[in-house]
Amino acid sequence: MDNHWPLFGLRLVHRDVVLRPMREQDLPELAAVLPGDVGHDPRLAMWPSQSFAENERRLFRQGYWKAYGTWEPASWVLHFAVSYGGRLAGVQTLEGENFPALRTVDTASWLVPEVRGRGVGVAMRAAVLGFAFGSLGAAAAISSAATSNAASLGVSRHLGYADNGVSRIVDTTGDVVQLRHFRLTAERWRGAEVTVSGFYPCRPWFGMTE
């Protein structure tokens, strides 16, 4: 399968956190530990015929399938399964929209409650930033979080992002949420020791030529 979908051979390692692109077989385990505070694509609606938990698990799976099913070298979404202590602990997402022109990546993530507060959120974000600024040649990274999400806001500030305004959206439940935005340029990035393996076969998937 890796020969036809080389993304599955990609690995990022930073400190004691390992990131690899999610696979189909990861879905049941990750869906089972999905916390109730995960943000989903607001374009994917909640169904009144399902409970909140059922909607959450469905949206999680749909987000996975949508990312791979709509992948293009210029615009892509890559969901990494995050391992900590030898167990799956969450998901770190890296997204590039019109990446060859904009050279900007966006990030999103979630962690199981048991490992929060241990620096895992910082490590997994640093891993994808190191990959984006190093392997992909990104010029900037952006991130957004609800103003009530102190943990995510703290990760962005810890890694050197600059405040980039506030906006409002309607989330999947129909509630209006205020988002705080951040931006980090390659020049401001302080760097991190990220070990990247399996990237070379993936280059065409990001629009890179020999």
C-alpha atoms as a PDB file:
ATOM      1  CA  MET A   1       0.000   0.000   0.000  1.00  0.00           C
ATOM      2  CA  ASP A   2       2.858   2.406   0.786  1.00  0.00           C
ATOM      3  CA  ASN A   3       4.074   2.192  -2.828  1.00  0.00           C
ATOM      4  CA  HIS A   4       0.766   3.615  -4.038  1.00  0.00           C
ATOM      5  CA  TRP A   5       0.142   5.892  -1.064  1.00  0.00           C
ATOM      6  CA  PRO A   6       3.629   6.921   0.116  1.00  0.00           C
ATOM      7  CA  LEU A   7       2.244   9.263   2.765  1.00  0.00           C
ATOM      8  CA  PHE A   8       1.762   6.209   4.980  1.00  0.00           C
ATOM      9  CA  GLY A   9       5.542   5.854   5.192  1.00  0.00           C
ATOM     10  CA  LEU A  10       6.055   9.353   6.597  1.00  0.00           C
ATOM     11  CA  ARG A  11       7.206   9.699  10.223  1.00  0.00           C
ATOM     12  CA  LEU A  12       7.902  12.711  12.418  1.00  0.00           C
ATOM     13  CA  VAL A  13       9.607  12.317  15.781  1.00  0.00           C
ATOM     14  CA  HIS A  14      10.145  15.107  18.294  1.00  0.00           C
ATOM     15  CA  ARG A  15      11.180  14.369  21.854  1.00  0.00           C
ATOM     16  CA  ASP A  16       8.999  11.471  23.040  1.00  0.00           C
ATOM     17  CA  VAL A  17       6.188  12.054  20.536  1.00  0.00           C
ATOM     18  CA  VAL A  18       5.806  10.154  17.243  1.00  0.00           C
ATOM     19  CA  LEU A  19       3.533  11.309  14.430  1.00  0.00           C
ATOM     20  CA  ARG A  20       2.485   9.256  11.405  1.00  0.00           C
ATOM     21  CA  PRO A  21      -0.340   9.776   8.906  1.00  0.00           C
ATOM     22  CA  MET A  22      -3.574   8.208  10.107  1.00  0.00           C
ATOM     23  CA  ARG A  23      -4.689   4.933   8.577  1.00  0.00           C
ATOM     24  CA  GLU A  24      -8.117   3.377   8.297  1.00  0.00           C
ATOM     25  CA  GLN A  25      -7.347   0.908  11.085  1.00  0.00           C
ATOM     26  CA  ASP A  26      -6.635   3.781  13.497  1.00  0.00           C
ATOM     27  CA  LEU A  27     -10.202   5.082  13.289  1.00  0.00           C
ATOM     28  CA  PRO A  28     -11.890   2.740  15.813  1.00  0.00           C
ATOM     29  CA  GLU A  29      -9.236   3.252  18.504  1.00  0.00           C
ATOM     30  CA  LEU A  30      -9.078   7.014  18.070  1.00  0.00           C
ATOM     31  CA  ALA A  31     -12.858   7.394  17.799  1.00  0.00           C
ATOM     32  CA  ALA A  32     -13.232   5.468  21.061  1.00  0.00           C
ATOM     33  CA  VAL A  33     -11.105   8.019  22.949  1.00  0.00           C
ATOM     34  CA  LEU A  34     -12.351  11.102  21.117  1.00  0.00           C
ATOM     35  CA  PRO A  35     -12.900  13.822  23.748  1.00  0.00           C
ATOM     36  CA  GLY A  36     -16.080  15.880  23.695  1.00  0.00           C
ATOM     37  CA  ASP A  37     -14.293  19.183  23.079  1.00  0.00           C
ATOM     38  CA  VAL A  38     -12.937  18.459  19.589  1.00  0.00           C
ATOM     39  CA  GLY A  39     -13.650  21.047  16.909  1.00  0.00           C
ATOM     40  CA  HIS A  40     -14.868  19.739  13.550  1.00  0.00           C
ATOM     41  CA  ASP A  41     -15.196  21.199  10.074  1.00  0.00           C
ATOM     42  CA  PRO A  42     -18.280  23.451  10.416  1.00  0.00           C
ATOM     43  CA  ARG A  43     -19.238  22.535   6.851  1.00  0.00           C
ATOM     44  CA  LEU A  44     -20.045  19.024   8.147  1.00  0.00           C
ATOM     45  CA  ALA A  45     -23.332  19.351   9.984  1.00  0.00           C
ATOM     46  CA  MET A  46     -24.648  17.618  13.077  1.00  0.00           C
ATOM     47  CA  TRP A  47     -27.536  15.254  12.344  1.00  0.00           C
ATOM     48  CA  PRO A  48     -30.591  15.539  14.606  1.00  0.00           C
ATOM     49  CA  SER A  49     -31.094  11.779  14.224  1.00  0.00           C
ATOM     50  CA  GLN A  50     -27.834  11.090  16.090  1.00  0.00           C
ATOM     51  CA  SER A  51     -26.697  11.743  19.645  1.00  0.00           C
ATOM     52  CA  PHE A  52     -23.858  14.184  20.280  1.00  0.00           C
ATOM     53  CA  ALA A  53     -21.376  11.316  20.743  1.00  0.00           C
ATOM     54  CA  GLU A  54     -22.554   9.573  17.558  1.00  0.00           C
ATOM     55  CA  ASN A  55     -22.225  12.812  15.609  1.00  0.00           C
ATOM     56  CA  GLU A  56     -18.732  13.358  16.994  1.00  0.00           C
ATOM     57  CA  ARG A  57     -17.548   9.911  15.907  1.00  0.00           C
ATOM     58  CA  ARG A  58     -19.169  10.243  12.471  1.00  0.00           C
ATOM     59  CA  LEU A  59     -17.657  13.687  11.854  1.00  0.00           C
ATOM     60  CA  PHE A  60     -14.250  12.389  12.897  1.00  0.00           C
ATOM     61  CA  ARG A  61     -14.432   9.572  10.348  1.00  0.00           C
ATOM     62  CA  GLN A  62     -15.837  11.809   7.614  1.00  0.00           C
ATOM     63  CA  GLY A  63     -13.015  14.278   8.167  1.00  0.00           C
ATOM     64  CA  TYR A  64     -10.483  11.483   7.686  1.00  0.00           C
ATOM     65  CA  TRP A  65     -12.060  10.189   4.478  1.00  0.00           C
ATOM     66  CA  LYS A  66     -12.596  13.680   3.087  1.00  0.00           C
ATOM     67  CA  ALA A  67      -8.930  14.583   3.585  1.00  0.00           C
ATOM     68  CA  TYR A  68      -7.576  11.655   1.580  1.00  0.00           C
ATOM     69  CA  GLY A  69     -10.421  11.629  -0.943  1.00  0.00           C
ATOM     70  CA  THR A  70      -9.887  15.257  -1.950  1.00  0.00           C
ATOM     71  CA  TRP A  71      -6.068  15.378  -1.743  1.00  0.00           C
ATOM     72  CA  GLU A  72      -4.355  17.527  -4.357  1.00  0.00           C
ATOM     73  CA  PRO A  73      -0.700  18.615  -4.428  1.00  0.00           C
ATOM     74  CA  ALA A  74      -1.750  22.264  -4.206  1.00  0.00           C
ATOM     75  CA  SER A  75      -4.365  21.856  -1.450  1.00  0.00           C
ATOM     76  CA  TRP A  76      -4.243  19.087   1.132  1.00  0.00           C
ATOM     77  CA  VAL A  77      -5.097  18.097   4.693  1.00  0.00           C
ATOM     78  CA  LEU A  78      -2.868  15.599   6.502  1.00  0.00           C
ATOM     79  CA  HIS A  79      -4.085  14.046   9.756  1.00  0.00           C
ATOM     80  CA  PHE A  80      -1.273  12.587  11.873  1.00  0.00           C
ATOM     81  CA  ALA A  81      -1.941   9.966  14.530  1.00  0.00           C
ATOM     82  CA  VAL A  82       0.042  10.978  17.615  1.00  0.00           C
ATOM     83  CA  SER A  83       1.719   8.339  19.774  1.00  0.00           C
ATOM     84  CA  TYR A  84       2.989   9.085  23.262  1.00  0.00           C
ATOM     85  CA  GLY A  85       4.308   6.450  25.621  1.00  0.00           C
ATOM     86  CA  GLY A  86       3.675   3.817  22.961  1.00  0.00           C
ATOM     87  CA  ARG A  87      -0.069   4.523  22.757  1.00  0.00           C
ATOM     88  CA  LEU A  88      -2.263   6.603  20.467  1.00  0.00           C
ATOM     89  CA  ALA A  89      -2.964   9.851  22.276  1.00  0.00           C
ATOM     90  CA  GLY A  90      -4.576  12.145  19.720  1.00  0.00           C
ATOM     91  CA  VAL A  91      -4.421  13.700  16.273  1.00  0.00           C
ATOM     92  CA  GLN A  92      -2.357  16.548  14.850  1.00  0.00           C
ATOM     93  CA  THR A  93      -3.562  18.032  11.565  1.00  0.00           C
ATOM     94  CA  LEU A  94      -1.487  19.981   9.049  1.00  0.00           C
ATOM     95  CA  GLU A  95      -3.234  21.714   6.151  1.00  0.00           C
ATOM     96  CA  GLY A  96      -2.013  23.584   3.094  1.00  0.00           C
ATOM     97  CA  GLU A  97      -4.547  25.516   1.009  1.00  0.00           C
ATOM     98  CA  ASN A  98      -3.142  26.787  -2.319  1.00  0.00           C
ATOM     99  CA  PHE A  99       0.201  25.931  -0.770  1.00  0.00           C
ATOM    100  CA  PRO A 100       2.509  26.484  -3.781  1.00  0.00           C
ATOM    101  CA  ALA A 101       1.310  30.086  -4.016  1.00  0.00           C
ATOM    102  CA  LEU A 102       0.697  30.970  -0.359  1.00  0.00           C
ATOM    103  CA  ARG A 103       3.385  28.809   1.323  1.00  0.00           C
ATOM    104  CA  THR A 104       1.229  28.852   4.456  1.00  0.00           C
ATOM    105  CA  VAL A 105       0.110  25.931   6.609  1.00  0.00           C
ATOM    106  CA  ASP A 106      -2.673  25.704   9.172  1.00  0.00           C
ATOM    107  CA  THR A 107      -2.815  23.365  12.158  1.00  0.00           C
ATOM    108  CA  ALA A 108      -5.409  21.776  14.417  1.00  0.00           C
ATOM    109  CA  SER A 109      -5.171  19.060  17.049  1.00  0.00           C
ATOM    110  CA  TRP A 110      -6.744  17.167  19.911  1.00  0.00           C
ATOM    111  CA  LEU A 111      -5.402  15.079  22.782  1.00  0.00           C
ATOM    112  CA  VAL A 112      -6.944  12.587  25.167  1.00  0.00           C
ATOM    113  CA  PRO A 113      -7.400  14.209  28.605  1.00  0.00           C
ATOM    114  CA  GLU A 114      -5.020  11.767  30.342  1.00  0.00           C
ATOM    115  CA  VAL A 115      -1.917  13.195  28.618  1.00  0.00           C
ATOM    116  CA  ARG A 116      -2.793  16.864  28.691  1.00  0.00           C
ATOM    117  CA  GLY A 117      -0.519  19.114  30.691  1.00  0.00           C
ATOM    118  CA  ARG A 118       2.615  17.076  29.912  1.00  0.00           C
ATOM    119  CA  GLY A 119       3.950  19.126  27.003  1.00  0.00           C
ATOM    120  CA  VAL A 120       2.602  16.711  24.397  1.00  0.00           C
ATOM    121  CA  GLY A 121       0.540  19.418  22.683  1.00  0.00           C
ATOM    122  CA  VAL A 122       3.605  21.621  22.290  1.00  0.00           C
ATOM    123  CA  ALA A 123       5.721  18.704  21.027  1.00  0.00           C
ATOM    124  CA  MET A 124       3.249  17.543  18.372  1.00  0.00           C
ATOM    125  CA  ARG A 125       2.694  21.084  17.073  1.00  0.00           C
ATOM    126  CA  ALA A 126       6.460  21.649  17.010  1.00  0.00           C
ATOM    127  CA  ALA A 127       6.863  18.413  15.030  1.00  0.00           C
ATOM    128  CA  VAL A 128       4.573  19.502  12.197  1.00  0.00           C
ATOM    129  CA  LEU A 129       6.013  23.021  12.228  1.00  0.00           C
ATOM    130  CA  GLY A 130       9.514  21.611  11.852  1.00  0.00           C
ATOM    131  CA  PHE A 131       8.265  19.466   8.970  1.00  0.00           C
ATOM    132  CA  ALA A 132       6.432  22.383   7.338  1.00  0.00           C
ATOM    133  CA  PHE A 133       9.231  24.934   7.606  1.00  0.00           C
ATOM    134  CA  GLY A 134      11.963  22.396   6.856  1.00  0.00           C
ATOM    135  CA  SER A 135      10.796  19.707   4.430  1.00  0.00           C
ATOM    136  CA  LEU A 136       7.958  21.642   2.782  1.00  0.00           C
ATOM    137  CA  GLY A 137       9.577  25.081   2.729  1.00  0.00           C
ATOM    138  CA  ALA A 138       6.605  26.891   4.260  1.00  0.00           C
ATOM    139  CA  ALA A 139       6.893  30.644   4.757  1.00  0.00           C
ATOM    140  CA  ALA A 140       4.302  30.903   7.520  1.00  0.00           C
ATOM    141  CA  ALA A 141       1.997  28.903   9.766  1.00  0.00           C
ATOM    142  CA  ILE A 142      -1.371  29.981  11.106  1.00  0.00           C
ATOM    143  CA  SER A 143      -3.554  28.597  13.861  1.00  0.00           C
ATOM    144  CA  SER A 144      -6.915  29.451  15.375  1.00  0.00           C
ATOM    145  CA  ALA A 145      -8.694  28.431  18.551  1.00  0.00           C
ATOM    146  CA  ALA A 146     -11.769  29.399  20.501  1.00  0.00           C
ATOM    147  CA  THR A 147     -10.995  32.136  22.989  1.00  0.00           C
ATOM    148  CA  SER A 148     -12.065  29.685  25.697  1.00  0.00           C
ATOM    149  CA  ASN A 149      -9.454  27.099  24.628  1.00  0.00           C
ATOM    150  CA  ALA A 150      -6.631  28.148  26.927  1.00  0.00           C
ATOM    151  CA  ALA A 151      -4.495  25.084  26.157  1.00  0.00           C
ATOM    152  CA  SER A 152      -4.369  25.678  22.399  1.00  0.00           C
ATOM    153  CA  LEU A 153      -3.810  29.401  22.846  1.00  0.00           C
ATOM    154  CA  GLY A 154      -0.965  28.606  25.218  1.00  0.00           C
ATOM    155  CA  VAL A 155       0.712  26.261  22.722  1.00  0.00           C
ATOM    156  CA  SER A 156       0.627  28.928  20.009  1.00  0.00           C
ATOM    157  CA  ARG A 157       2.103  31.585  22.264  1.00  0.00           C
ATOM    158  CA  HIS A 158       4.735  29.192  23.631  1.00  0.00           C
ATOM    159  CA  LEU A 159       5.955  28.448  20.103  1.00  0.00           C
ATOM    160  CA  GLY A 160       6.277  32.110  19.167  1.00  0.00           C
ATOM    161  CA  TYR A 161       3.126  32.789  17.149  1.00  0.00           C
ATOM    162  CA  ALA A 162       2.012  36.413  16.955  1.00  0.00           C
ATOM    163  CA  ASP A 163      -1.605  37.437  17.565  1.00  0.00           C
ATOM    164  CA  ASN A 164      -3.440  37.881  14.271  1.00  0.00           C
ATOM    165  CA  GLY A 165      -6.932  39.074  15.159  1.00  0.00           C
ATOM    166  CA  VAL A 166     -10.283  37.698  16.272  1.00  0.00           C
ATOM    167  CA  SER A 167     -13.291  36.471  14.281  1.00  0.00           C
ATOM    168  CA  ARG A 168     -16.586  34.660  14.860  1.00  0.00           C
ATOM    169  CA  ILE A 169     -17.879  31.449  13.293  1.00  0.00           C
ATOM    170  CA  VAL A 170     -20.908  29.197  13.626  1.00  0.00           C
ATOM    171  CA  ASP A 171     -19.708  25.759  14.768  1.00  0.00           C
ATOM    172  CA  THR A 172     -21.178  22.328  14.002  1.00  0.00           C
ATOM    173  CA  THR A 173     -23.680  22.651  16.857  1.00  0.00           C
ATOM    174  CA  GLY A 174     -24.975  25.979  15.531  1.00  0.00           C
ATOM    175  CA  ASP A 175     -23.371  28.031  18.298  1.00  0.00           C
ATOM    176  CA  VAL A 176     -21.485  31.244  17.568  1.00  0.00           C
ATOM    177  CA  VAL A 177     -17.861  30.884  18.664  1.00  0.00           C
ATOM    178  CA  GLN A 178     -15.214  33.576  18.911  1.00  0.00           C
ATOM    179  CA  LEU A 179     -11.866  32.525  17.476  1.00  0.00           C
ATOM    180  CA  ARG A 180      -8.450  34.001  18.172  1.00  0.00           C
ATOM    181  CA  HIS A 181      -6.005  33.761  15.272  1.00  0.00           C
ATOM    182  CA  PHE A 182      -2.224  33.446  15.311  1.00  0.00           C
ATOM    183  CA  ARG A 183       0.547  33.596  12.706  1.00  0.00           C
ATOM    184  CA  LEU A 184       4.141  32.370  12.827  1.00  0.00           C
ATOM    185  CA  THR A 185       6.659  33.172  10.092  1.00  0.00           C
ATOM    186  CA  ALA A 186       9.637  31.030   9.161  1.00  0.00           C
ATOM    187  CA  GLU A 187      11.889  33.854  10.341  1.00  0.00           C
ATOM    188  CA  ARG A 188      10.303  33.851  13.810  1.00  0.00           C
ATOM    189  CA  TRP A 189      10.333  30.058  14.101  1.00  0.00           C
ATOM    190  CA  ARG A 190      12.858  29.110  16.776  1.00  0.00           C
ATOM    191  CA  GLY A 191      13.328  25.634  15.381  1.00  0.00           C
ATOM    192  CA  ALA A 192      12.998  22.185  16.897  1.00  0.00           C
ATOM    193  CA  GLU A 193      14.900  18.924  16.556  1.00  0.00           C
ATOM    194  CA  VAL A 194      12.415  17.007  14.442  1.00  0.00           C
ATOM    195  CA  THR A 195      13.434  13.735  12.807  1.00  0.00           C
ATOM    196  CA  VAL A 196      11.613  13.312   9.489  1.00  0.00           C
ATOM    197  CA  SER A 197      11.721   9.952   7.702  1.00  0.00           C
ATOM    198  CA  GLY A 198       9.961   8.622   4.623  1.00  0.00           C
ATOM    199  CA  PHE A 199       9.444  12.052   3.077  1.00  0.00           C
ATOM    200  CA  TYR A 200      11.264  11.672  -0.237  1.00  0.00           C
ATOM    201  CA  PRO A 201       8.632   9.423  -1.919  1.00  0.00           C
ATOM    202  CA  CYS A 202       5.964  11.892  -0.753  1.00  0.00           C
ATOM    203  CA  ARG A 203       7.439  14.884  -2.570  1.00  0.00           C
ATOM    204  CA  PRO A 204       5.199  14.630  -5.681  1.00  0.00           C
ATOM    205  CA  TRP A 205       2.166  14.573  -3.382  1.00  0.00           C
ATOM    206  CA  PHE A 206       3.123  18.076  -2.289  1.00  0.00           C
ATOM    207  CA  GLY A 207       3.807  19.258  -5.837  1.00  0.00           C
ATOM    208  CA  MET A 208       7.570  18.918  -5.581  1.00  0.00           C
ATOM    209  CA  THR A 209       9.592  17.777  -8.575  1.00  0.00           C
ATOM    210  CA  GLU A 210      13.082  16.356  -8.773  1.00  0.00           C
END
